[in-house]
Amino acid sequence: MKNLTSALAIFIITALIFISCGKEKKPEFTDETTGQNTTREMKNDEPDKEKEQESTEDTAETKTNTNQQNTKSRNFDIGKPEAVISPLEAGNYNGKTVTVKGFVADVYQSEKVAYLNFVEKFPKNPFTAVIFASKFSDFPDIIKYKNKDVEVTGRVSMYREKAQIILNSPKQIVVK
């Protein structure tokens, strides 16, 4: 009986350890304005689209904090792009400065971030131009890009196997 109780206790402890290791911790991100670590969440009518794209914002924000600081110090001088590419090719240029030329199929804006989804609407879009709320005043009418051919120039980053460029200045986007 004592062996059975010991075996049961070991089994329960092992199961609890295994289960607790499998829990996914929400990532924390440093807020640019306050410098505090926060977990970001949004409210919207389209929860699946919002959750996926908000995650894109969080990851892009953490990956591009250094790039944004460098861009600020260069007065939004994004440098000469290595190539002019289509939205479908952007994933092959991760970490490179390029000009992506393509059709904006959808524009989505929340309180914290705006997305210009190229080729198709989210989630089938192969490429996204991202604008954070801190830059909304620089892009007062982003809906004007919907259903237009545009060129965006900047450093490509990846999130969930999708390419994106963070827009910090209106100089980075041109309607063609």
N, C-alpha and C. Protein backbone atom coordinates (compact mmCIF):
# COMPACT_ATOMS: atom_id res chain seq x y z
N MET A 1 0.82 -1.20 0.00
CA MET A 1 0.00 0.00 0.00
C MET A 1 0.87 1.26 0.00
N LYS A 2 1.95 1.22 0.79
CA LYS A 2 2.85 2.36 0.86
C LYS A 2 3.51 2.61 -0.49
N ASN A 3 3.88 1.56 -1.21
CA ASN A 3 4.48 1.70 -2.54
C ASN A 3 3.49 2.29 -3.54
N LEU A 4 2.24 1.89 -3.43
CA LEU A 4 1.21 2.40 -4.31
C LEU A 4 1.00 3.89 -4.08
N THR A 5 0.97 4.32 -2.83
CA THR A 5 0.80 5.73 -2.49
C THR A 5 1.99 6.55 -2.99
N SER A 6 3.20 6.04 -2.81
CA SER A 6 4.40 6.72 -3.28
C SER A 6 4.40 6.84 -4.80
N ALA A 7 4.02 5.77 -5.47
CA ALA A 7 3.98 5.79 -6.93
C ALA A 7 2.94 6.78 -7.42
N LEU A 8 1.79 6.83 -6.76
CA LEU A 8 0.74 7.77 -7.13
C LEU A 8 1.21 9.21 -6.92
N ALA A 9 1.88 9.49 -5.82
CA ALA A 9 2.38 10.84 -5.53
C ALA A 9 3.42 11.25 -6.57
N ILE A 10 4.30 10.35 -6.94
CA ILE A 10 5.31 10.65 -7.96
C ILE A 10 4.64 10.92 -9.30
N PHE A 11 3.64 10.12 -9.63
CA PHE A 11 2.91 10.32 -10.87
C PHE A 11 2.24 11.68 -10.92
N ILE A 12 1.58 12.09 -9.84
CA ILE A 12 0.89 13.38 -9.79
C ILE A 12 1.87 14.53 -9.90
N ILE A 13 2.98 14.45 -9.18
CA ILE A 13 4.00 15.50 -9.24
C ILE A 13 4.57 15.62 -10.65
N THR A 14 4.87 14.47 -11.27
CA THR A 14 5.40 14.47 -12.63
C THR A 14 4.38 15.08 -13.60
N ALA A 15 3.12 14.73 -13.46
CA ALA A 15 2.07 15.26 -14.33
C ALA A 15 1.95 16.77 -14.17
N LEU A 16 2.00 17.26 -12.93
CA LEU A 16 1.90 18.70 -12.69
C LEU A 16 3.08 19.45 -13.31
N ILE A 17 4.27 18.90 -13.18
CA ILE A 17 5.44 19.53 -13.77
C ILE A 17 5.31 19.55 -15.28
N PHE A 18 4.89 18.44 -15.85
CA PHE A 18 4.73 18.36 -17.30
C PHE A 18 3.70 19.35 -17.81
N ILE A 19 2.56 19.45 -17.12
CA ILE A 19 1.49 20.35 -17.53
C ILE A 19 1.93 21.80 -17.40
N SER A 20 2.59 22.15 -16.30
CA SER A 20 3.00 23.54 -16.10
C SER A 20 4.07 23.97 -17.10
N CYS A 21 4.89 23.04 -17.56
CA CYS A 21 5.91 23.38 -18.55
C CYS A 21 5.28 23.66 -19.91
N GLY A 22 4.12 23.12 -20.17
CA GLY A 22 3.47 23.28 -21.46
C GLY A 22 2.69 24.57 -21.59
N LYS A 23 2.48 25.30 -20.48
CA LYS A 23 1.71 26.55 -20.55
C LYS A 23 2.50 27.60 -21.29
N GLU A 24 1.80 28.32 -22.13
CA GLU A 24 2.44 29.36 -22.93
C GLU A 24 2.37 30.67 -22.18
N LYS A 25 3.51 31.28 -21.91
CA LYS A 25 3.57 32.56 -21.23
C LYS A 25 3.42 33.67 -22.26
N LYS A 26 2.58 34.65 -21.93
CA LYS A 26 2.43 35.79 -22.83
C LYS A 26 3.71 36.60 -22.79
N PRO A 27 4.21 36.98 -23.97
CA PRO A 27 5.45 37.75 -23.99
C PRO A 27 5.24 39.16 -23.47
N GLU A 28 6.29 39.70 -22.87
CA GLU A 28 6.27 41.08 -22.43
C GLU A 28 7.10 41.90 -23.39
N PHE A 29 6.69 43.15 -23.57
CA PHE A 29 7.39 44.03 -24.49
C PHE A 29 7.63 45.36 -23.81
N THR A 30 8.67 46.02 -24.21
CA THR A 30 8.98 47.32 -23.64
C THR A 30 8.23 48.38 -24.41
N ASP A 31 7.42 49.13 -23.70
CA ASP A 31 6.67 50.24 -24.29
C ASP A 31 7.63 51.38 -24.57
N GLU A 32 7.66 51.85 -25.83
CA GLU A 32 8.59 52.91 -26.22
C GLU A 32 8.40 54.18 -25.42
N THR A 33 7.15 54.53 -25.13
CA THR A 33 6.89 55.81 -24.48
C THR A 33 7.17 55.78 -22.98
N THR A 34 6.86 54.68 -22.31
CA THR A 34 7.04 54.63 -20.85
C THR A 34 8.28 53.86 -20.44
N GLY A 35 8.79 52.99 -21.31
CA GLY A 35 9.94 52.16 -20.95
C GLY A 35 9.58 50.98 -20.07
N GLN A 36 8.28 50.76 -19.82
CA GLN A 36 7.84 49.67 -18.96
C GLN A 36 7.55 48.42 -19.79
N ASN A 37 7.74 47.26 -19.14
CA ASN A 37 7.38 46.01 -19.79
C ASN A 37 5.88 45.80 -19.66
N THR A 38 5.23 45.48 -20.77
CA THR A 38 3.79 45.29 -20.76
C THR A 38 3.41 44.11 -21.64
N THR A 39 2.25 43.53 -21.36
CA THR A 39 1.65 42.55 -22.25
C THR A 39 0.54 43.27 -22.98
N ARG A 40 0.58 43.28 -24.31
CA ARG A 40 -0.37 44.07 -25.08
C ARG A 40 -1.53 43.23 -25.55
N GLU A 41 -2.72 43.81 -25.45
CA GLU A 41 -3.92 43.17 -25.97
C GLU A 41 -4.82 44.25 -26.54
N MET A 42 -5.66 43.87 -27.50
CA MET A 42 -6.56 44.82 -28.15
C MET A 42 -8.00 44.31 -28.08
N LYS A 43 -8.92 45.23 -28.32
CA LYS A 43 -10.33 44.88 -28.42
C LYS A 43 -10.79 45.29 -29.81
N ASN A 44 -11.57 44.40 -30.46
CA ASN A 44 -11.99 44.70 -31.82
C ASN A 44 -13.14 43.78 -32.21
N ASP A 45 -13.75 44.07 -33.33
CA ASP A 45 -14.85 43.23 -33.81
C ASP A 45 -14.36 41.94 -34.46
N GLU A 46 -13.10 41.90 -34.90
CA GLU A 46 -12.57 40.74 -35.59
C GLU A 46 -11.45 40.13 -34.73
N PRO A 47 -11.81 39.30 -33.73
CA PRO A 47 -10.80 38.83 -32.77
C PRO A 47 -9.66 38.03 -33.37
N ASP A 48 -9.91 37.16 -34.33
CA ASP A 48 -8.81 36.36 -34.88
C ASP A 48 -7.83 37.24 -35.65
N LYS A 49 -8.34 38.12 -36.48
CA LYS A 49 -7.50 39.03 -37.25
C LYS A 49 -6.72 39.93 -36.30
N GLU A 50 -7.42 40.41 -35.28
CA GLU A 50 -6.80 41.33 -34.33
C GLU A 50 -5.69 40.65 -33.56
N LYS A 51 -5.93 39.46 -33.06
CA LYS A 51 -4.92 38.77 -32.26
C LYS A 51 -3.67 38.51 -33.08
N GLU A 52 -3.83 38.02 -34.29
CA GLU A 52 -2.70 37.73 -35.16
C GLU A 52 -1.94 39.01 -35.49
N GLN A 53 -2.66 40.06 -35.87
CA GLN A 53 -1.98 41.27 -36.27
C GLN A 53 -1.43 42.02 -35.08
N GLU A 54 -2.06 41.97 -33.92
CA GLU A 54 -1.49 42.60 -32.72
C GLU A 54 -0.19 41.92 -32.35
N SER A 55 -0.14 40.59 -32.51
CA SER A 55 1.11 39.88 -32.26
C SER A 55 2.19 40.35 -33.22
N THR A 56 1.79 40.62 -34.44
CA THR A 56 2.74 41.16 -35.41
C THR A 56 3.30 42.48 -34.92
N GLU A 57 2.43 43.32 -34.37
CA GLU A 57 2.88 44.62 -33.86
C GLU A 57 3.89 44.42 -32.75
N ASP A 58 3.55 43.55 -31.79
CA ASP A 58 4.43 43.35 -30.64
C ASP A 58 5.80 42.86 -31.07
N THR A 59 5.82 41.85 -31.91
CA THR A 59 7.10 41.31 -32.35
C THR A 59 7.85 42.33 -33.19
N ALA A 60 7.15 42.97 -34.08
CA ALA A 60 7.81 43.97 -34.92
C ALA A 60 8.36 45.10 -34.07
N GLU A 61 7.60 45.49 -33.03
CA GLU A 61 8.06 46.59 -32.18
C GLU A 61 9.33 46.22 -31.44
N THR A 62 9.38 45.00 -30.89
CA THR A 62 10.58 44.62 -30.16
C THR A 62 11.75 44.44 -31.10
N LYS A 63 11.52 43.90 -32.27
CA LYS A 63 12.60 43.67 -33.22
C LYS A 63 13.10 44.95 -33.86
N THR A 64 12.23 45.98 -33.89
CA THR A 64 12.62 47.18 -34.61
C THR A 64 12.91 48.36 -33.71
N ASN A 65 12.90 48.19 -32.38
CA ASN A 65 13.23 49.32 -31.51
C ASN A 65 14.57 49.92 -31.88
N THR A 66 15.56 49.08 -32.08
CA THR A 66 16.88 49.57 -32.45
C THR A 66 16.82 50.25 -33.81
N ASN A 67 16.13 49.64 -34.75
CA ASN A 67 16.00 50.22 -36.08
C ASN A 67 15.29 51.57 -36.03
N GLN A 68 14.25 51.68 -35.18
CA GLN A 68 13.53 52.93 -35.06
C GLN A 68 14.42 54.01 -34.48
N GLN A 69 15.23 53.67 -33.48
CA GLN A 69 16.14 54.64 -32.90
C GLN A 69 17.16 55.09 -33.95
N ASN A 70 17.68 54.15 -34.71
CA ASN A 70 18.63 54.50 -35.77
C ASN A 70 17.96 55.38 -36.82
N THR A 71 16.70 55.06 -37.15
CA THR A 71 15.99 55.83 -38.14
C THR A 71 15.77 57.25 -37.64
N LYS A 72 15.40 57.40 -36.34
CA LYS A 72 15.19 58.73 -35.78
C LYS A 72 16.47 59.54 -35.86
N SER A 73 17.58 58.93 -35.53
CA SER A 73 18.84 59.67 -35.54
C SER A 73 19.27 60.02 -36.96
N ARG A 74 18.75 59.32 -37.95
CA ARG A 74 19.10 59.61 -39.34
C ARG A 74 18.07 60.50 -40.00
N ASN A 75 17.12 61.02 -39.21
CA ASN A 75 16.07 61.86 -39.77
C ASN A 75 15.27 61.13 -40.85
N PHE A 76 14.96 59.90 -40.63
CA PHE A 76 14.20 59.06 -41.54
C PHE A 76 14.90 58.83 -42.86
N ASP A 77 16.20 58.93 -42.88
CA ASP A 77 16.97 58.58 -44.07
C ASP A 77 17.06 57.06 -44.09
N ILE A 78 16.29 56.44 -44.94
CA ILE A 78 16.20 54.99 -44.96
C ILE A 78 17.29 54.34 -45.80
N GLY A 79 18.09 55.14 -46.42
CA GLY A 79 19.17 54.59 -47.22
C GLY A 79 18.70 54.11 -48.57
N LYS A 80 19.65 53.73 -49.37
CA LYS A 80 19.35 53.25 -50.72
C LYS A 80 18.91 51.79 -50.65
N PRO A 81 17.75 51.49 -51.22
CA PRO A 81 17.29 50.09 -51.20
C PRO A 81 18.16 49.20 -52.09
N GLU A 82 18.29 47.96 -51.68
CA GLU A 82 19.08 46.98 -52.44
C GLU A 82 18.38 46.56 -53.72
N ALA A 83 17.03 46.59 -53.67
CA ALA A 83 16.27 46.12 -54.83
C ALA A 83 14.86 46.66 -54.78
N VAL A 84 14.19 46.64 -55.92
CA VAL A 84 12.75 46.89 -56.00
C VAL A 84 12.12 45.54 -56.25
N ILE A 85 11.25 45.13 -55.34
CA ILE A 85 10.71 43.76 -55.37
C ILE A 85 9.20 43.77 -55.26
N SER A 86 8.61 42.61 -55.52
CA SER A 86 7.17 42.43 -55.34
C SER A 86 6.91 41.99 -53.90
N PRO A 87 5.67 42.13 -53.44
CA PRO A 87 5.33 41.67 -52.08
C PRO A 87 5.61 40.17 -51.89
N LEU A 88 5.49 39.39 -52.95
CA LEU A 88 5.73 37.95 -52.85
C LEU A 88 7.21 37.63 -52.63
N GLU A 89 8.10 38.51 -53.04
CA GLU A 89 9.54 38.29 -52.89
C GLU A 89 10.09 38.80 -51.57
N ALA A 90 9.32 39.61 -50.86
CA ALA A 90 9.83 40.31 -49.68
C ALA A 90 10.41 39.37 -48.62
N GLY A 91 9.84 38.20 -48.46
CA GLY A 91 10.34 37.24 -47.48
C GLY A 91 11.77 36.80 -47.74
N ASN A 92 12.23 36.94 -48.96
CA ASN A 92 13.60 36.56 -49.30
C ASN A 92 14.61 37.65 -48.94
N TYR A 93 14.14 38.79 -48.46
CA TYR A 93 15.00 39.93 -48.16
C TYR A 93 14.98 40.31 -46.68
N ASN A 94 14.75 39.34 -45.81
CA ASN A 94 14.69 39.59 -44.37
C ASN A 94 15.97 40.30 -43.90
N GLY A 95 15.80 41.43 -43.23
CA GLY A 95 16.94 42.19 -42.72
C GLY A 95 17.55 43.15 -43.72
N LYS A 96 17.05 43.15 -44.93
CA LYS A 96 17.58 44.01 -46.00
C LYS A 96 16.66 45.21 -46.23
N THR A 97 17.24 46.31 -46.67
CA THR A 97 16.46 47.48 -47.04
C THR A 97 16.10 47.38 -48.51
N VAL A 98 14.79 47.38 -48.78
CA VAL A 98 14.29 47.22 -50.15
C VAL A 98 13.10 48.15 -50.37
N THR A 99 12.70 48.26 -51.62
CA THR A 99 11.44 48.90 -51.98
C THR A 99 10.50 47.80 -52.45
N VAL A 100 9.36 47.70 -51.79
CA VAL A 100 8.35 46.72 -52.17
C VAL A 100 7.27 47.47 -52.95
N LYS A 101 7.05 47.02 -54.17
CA LYS A 101 6.09 47.65 -55.07
C LYS A 101 4.92 46.70 -55.25
N GLY A 102 3.71 47.18 -54.87
CA GLY A 102 2.57 46.29 -55.00
C GLY A 102 1.24 46.96 -54.70
N PHE A 103 0.18 46.15 -54.73
CA PHE A 103 -1.21 46.58 -54.57
C PHE A 103 -1.64 46.42 -53.12
N VAL A 104 -2.17 47.49 -52.53
CA VAL A 104 -2.69 47.44 -51.15
C VAL A 104 -4.14 46.98 -51.23
N ALA A 105 -4.38 45.74 -50.83
CA ALA A 105 -5.70 45.15 -50.92
C ALA A 105 -6.60 45.52 -49.74
N ASP A 106 -5.98 45.87 -48.61
CA ASP A 106 -6.77 46.15 -47.41
C ASP A 106 -5.97 47.05 -46.48
N VAL A 107 -6.69 47.94 -45.79
CA VAL A 107 -6.09 48.77 -44.74
C VAL A 107 -6.88 48.50 -43.47
N TYR A 108 -6.16 48.17 -42.41
CA TYR A 108 -6.78 47.89 -41.12
C TYR A 108 -6.13 48.79 -40.08
N GLN A 109 -6.94 49.49 -39.27
CA GLN A 109 -6.39 50.37 -38.24
C GLN A 109 -7.11 50.16 -36.93
N SER A 110 -6.32 50.02 -35.86
CA SER A 110 -6.85 49.97 -34.50
C SER A 110 -6.31 51.19 -33.75
N GLU A 111 -6.50 51.23 -32.46
CA GLU A 111 -5.98 52.34 -31.67
C GLU A 111 -4.45 52.34 -31.61
N LYS A 112 -3.85 51.17 -31.74
CA LYS A 112 -2.40 51.04 -31.53
C LYS A 112 -1.58 50.86 -32.79
N VAL A 113 -2.20 50.39 -33.86
CA VAL A 113 -1.42 50.03 -35.05
C VAL A 113 -2.30 50.04 -36.29
N ALA A 114 -1.66 50.26 -37.42
CA ALA A 114 -2.37 50.17 -38.71
C ALA A 114 -1.57 49.25 -39.62
N TYR A 115 -2.30 48.51 -40.46
CA TYR A 115 -1.68 47.57 -41.37
C TYR A 115 -2.15 47.85 -42.79
N LEU A 116 -1.20 47.92 -43.70
CA LEU A 116 -1.50 47.98 -45.12
C LEU A 116 -1.17 46.59 -45.66
N ASN A 117 -2.19 45.81 -45.94
CA ASN A 117 -2.01 44.43 -46.38
C ASN A 117 -1.94 44.38 -47.90
N PHE A 118 -0.86 43.83 -48.40
CA PHE A 118 -0.60 43.80 -49.84
C PHE A 118 -1.12 42.52 -50.48
N VAL A 119 -1.52 42.63 -51.73
CA VAL A 119 -1.98 41.56 -52.63
C VAL A 119 -3.37 41.08 -52.25
N GLU A 120 -3.55 40.60 -50.99
CA GLU A 120 -4.84 40.10 -50.53
C GLU A 120 -5.10 40.60 -49.12
N LYS A 121 -6.35 40.46 -48.68
CA LYS A 121 -6.71 40.82 -47.31
C LYS A 121 -6.09 39.84 -46.33
N PHE A 122 -5.86 40.31 -45.10
CA PHE A 122 -5.39 39.44 -44.03
C PHE A 122 -6.39 38.31 -43.84
N PRO A 123 -6.00 37.09 -43.67
CA PRO A 123 -4.67 36.55 -43.38
C PRO A 123 -3.94 36.01 -44.60
N LYS A 124 -4.48 36.22 -45.80
CA LYS A 124 -3.83 35.66 -46.99
C LYS A 124 -2.79 36.60 -47.60
N ASN A 125 -2.56 37.74 -46.97
CA ASN A 125 -1.59 38.70 -47.50
C ASN A 125 -0.17 38.19 -47.32
N PRO A 126 0.68 38.33 -48.33
CA PRO A 126 2.07 37.89 -48.21
C PRO A 126 2.99 38.95 -47.60
N PHE A 127 2.50 40.20 -47.53
CA PHE A 127 3.35 41.30 -47.07
C PHE A 127 2.49 42.37 -46.43
N THR A 128 3.04 43.03 -45.39
CA THR A 128 2.32 44.09 -44.68
C THR A 128 3.24 45.26 -44.41
N ALA A 129 2.72 46.46 -44.60
CA ALA A 129 3.40 47.67 -44.13
C ALA A 129 2.71 48.05 -42.81
N VAL A 130 3.51 48.28 -41.77
CA VAL A 130 2.98 48.50 -40.42
C VAL A 130 3.25 49.94 -39.99
N ILE A 131 2.23 50.58 -39.42
CA ILE A 131 2.37 51.92 -38.87
C ILE A 131 1.89 51.88 -37.43
N PHE A 132 2.75 52.26 -36.48
CA PHE A 132 2.38 52.29 -35.07
C PHE A 132 1.65 53.58 -34.75
N ALA A 133 0.85 53.55 -33.70
CA ALA A 133 0.03 54.70 -33.30
C ALA A 133 0.85 55.96 -33.08
N SER A 134 2.06 55.82 -32.61
CA SER A 134 2.91 56.99 -32.38
C SER A 134 3.22 57.75 -33.67
N LYS A 135 3.00 57.11 -34.81
CA LYS A 135 3.25 57.73 -36.12
C LYS A 135 1.97 58.08 -36.87
N PHE A 136 0.81 57.84 -36.27
CA PHE A 136 -0.45 58.11 -36.96
C PHE A 136 -0.54 59.56 -37.44
N SER A 137 -0.04 60.50 -36.66
CA SER A 137 -0.13 61.90 -37.07
C SER A 137 0.68 62.18 -38.33
N ASP A 138 1.70 61.37 -38.58
CA ASP A 138 2.49 61.51 -39.80
C ASP A 138 1.79 60.91 -41.02
N PHE A 139 0.82 60.04 -40.76
CA PHE A 139 0.05 59.37 -41.81
C PHE A 139 -1.44 59.63 -41.54
N PRO A 140 -1.92 60.86 -41.76
CA PRO A 140 -3.27 61.22 -41.31
C PRO A 140 -4.41 60.50 -42.04
N ASP A 141 -4.19 60.04 -43.25
CA ASP A 141 -5.29 59.45 -44.03
C ASP A 141 -4.81 58.15 -44.68
N ILE A 142 -4.56 57.12 -43.87
CA ILE A 142 -4.00 55.89 -44.44
C ILE A 142 -4.98 55.14 -45.33
N ILE A 143 -6.26 55.39 -45.17
CA ILE A 143 -7.24 54.70 -45.99
C ILE A 143 -7.05 55.03 -47.47
N LYS A 144 -6.38 56.15 -47.76
CA LYS A 144 -6.16 56.54 -49.16
C LYS A 144 -5.28 55.54 -49.91
N TYR A 145 -4.56 54.69 -49.18
CA TYR A 145 -3.70 53.70 -49.82
C TYR A 145 -4.45 52.45 -50.27
N LYS A 146 -5.67 52.26 -49.74
CA LYS A 146 -6.44 51.07 -50.10
C LYS A 146 -6.77 51.08 -51.59
N ASN A 147 -6.59 49.91 -52.20
CA ASN A 147 -6.85 49.69 -53.63
C ASN A 147 -5.95 50.53 -54.53
N LYS A 148 -4.76 50.83 -54.05
CA LYS A 148 -3.79 51.60 -54.83
C LYS A 148 -2.51 50.78 -54.98
N ASP A 149 -1.78 51.07 -56.05
CA ASP A 149 -0.44 50.53 -56.21
C ASP A 149 0.50 51.51 -55.51
N VAL A 150 1.32 50.97 -54.61
CA VAL A 150 2.24 51.82 -53.84
C VAL A 150 3.63 51.19 -53.81
N GLU A 151 4.58 52.00 -53.40
CA GLU A 151 5.93 51.52 -53.13
C GLU A 151 6.25 51.88 -51.69
N VAL A 152 6.70 50.90 -50.91
CA VAL A 152 7.17 51.16 -49.55
C VAL A 152 8.63 50.77 -49.47
N THR A 153 9.41 51.61 -48.82
CA THR A 153 10.84 51.35 -48.69
C THR A 153 11.20 51.27 -47.22
N GLY A 154 11.98 50.26 -46.88
CA GLY A 154 12.42 50.08 -45.50
C GLY A 154 13.06 48.73 -45.31
N ARG A 155 13.38 48.43 -44.05
CA ARG A 155 14.02 47.16 -43.71
C ARG A 155 12.95 46.10 -43.52
N VAL A 156 13.09 44.98 -44.19
CA VAL A 156 12.15 43.87 -44.09
C VAL A 156 12.42 43.09 -42.80
N SER A 157 11.34 42.78 -42.10
CA SER A 157 11.42 41.87 -40.96
C SER A 157 10.34 40.81 -41.16
N MET A 158 10.45 39.72 -40.43
CA MET A 158 9.51 38.60 -40.59
C MET A 158 8.73 38.37 -39.30
N TYR A 159 7.47 37.98 -39.46
CA TYR A 159 6.67 37.53 -38.33
C TYR A 159 5.76 36.43 -38.84
N ARG A 160 5.83 35.28 -38.20
CA ARG A 160 5.03 34.11 -38.60
C ARG A 160 5.10 33.88 -40.10
N GLU A 161 6.32 33.89 -40.61
CA GLU A 161 6.61 33.60 -42.01
C GLU A 161 6.02 34.61 -42.98
N LYS A 162 5.69 35.81 -42.49
CA LYS A 162 5.21 36.87 -43.36
C LYS A 162 6.15 38.06 -43.26
N ALA A 163 6.43 38.66 -44.40
CA ALA A 163 7.32 39.81 -44.44
C ALA A 163 6.55 41.08 -44.12
N GLN A 164 7.28 42.03 -43.49
CA GLN A 164 6.68 43.32 -43.17
C GLN A 164 7.75 44.40 -43.16
N ILE A 165 7.32 45.63 -43.37
CA ILE A 165 8.18 46.80 -43.21
C ILE A 165 7.47 47.76 -42.28
N ILE A 166 8.19 48.26 -41.28
CA ILE A 166 7.65 49.26 -40.36
C ILE A 166 7.84 50.63 -40.99
N LEU A 167 6.75 51.39 -41.10
CA LEU A 167 6.81 52.73 -41.66
C LEU A 167 6.93 53.75 -40.54
N ASN A 168 8.00 54.53 -40.57
CA ASN A 168 8.23 55.57 -39.58
C ASN A 168 8.07 56.96 -40.16
N SER A 169 8.02 57.07 -41.46
CA SER A 169 7.94 58.36 -42.13
C SER A 169 7.12 58.24 -43.41
N PRO A 170 6.35 59.27 -43.74
CA PRO A 170 5.61 59.26 -45.00
C PRO A 170 6.53 59.17 -46.22
N LYS A 171 7.81 59.50 -46.03
CA LYS A 171 8.77 59.39 -47.13
C LYS A 171 8.97 57.94 -47.56
N GLN A 172 8.58 57.00 -46.69
CA GLN A 172 8.77 55.59 -47.00
C GLN A 172 7.69 55.01 -47.91
N ILE A 173 6.62 55.76 -48.16
CA ILE A 173 5.54 55.23 -48.98
C ILE A 173 5.16 56.23 -50.07
N VAL A 174 5.00 55.71 -51.29
CA VAL A 174 4.65 56.54 -52.45
C VAL A 174 3.55 55.83 -53.22
N VAL A 175 2.49 56.58 -53.55
CA VAL A 175 1.42 56.04 -54.39
C VAL A 175 1.86 56.15 -55.84
N LYS A 176 1.72 55.04 -56.58
CA LYS A 176 2.13 54.99 -58.00
C LYS A 176 0.94 55.06 -58.91
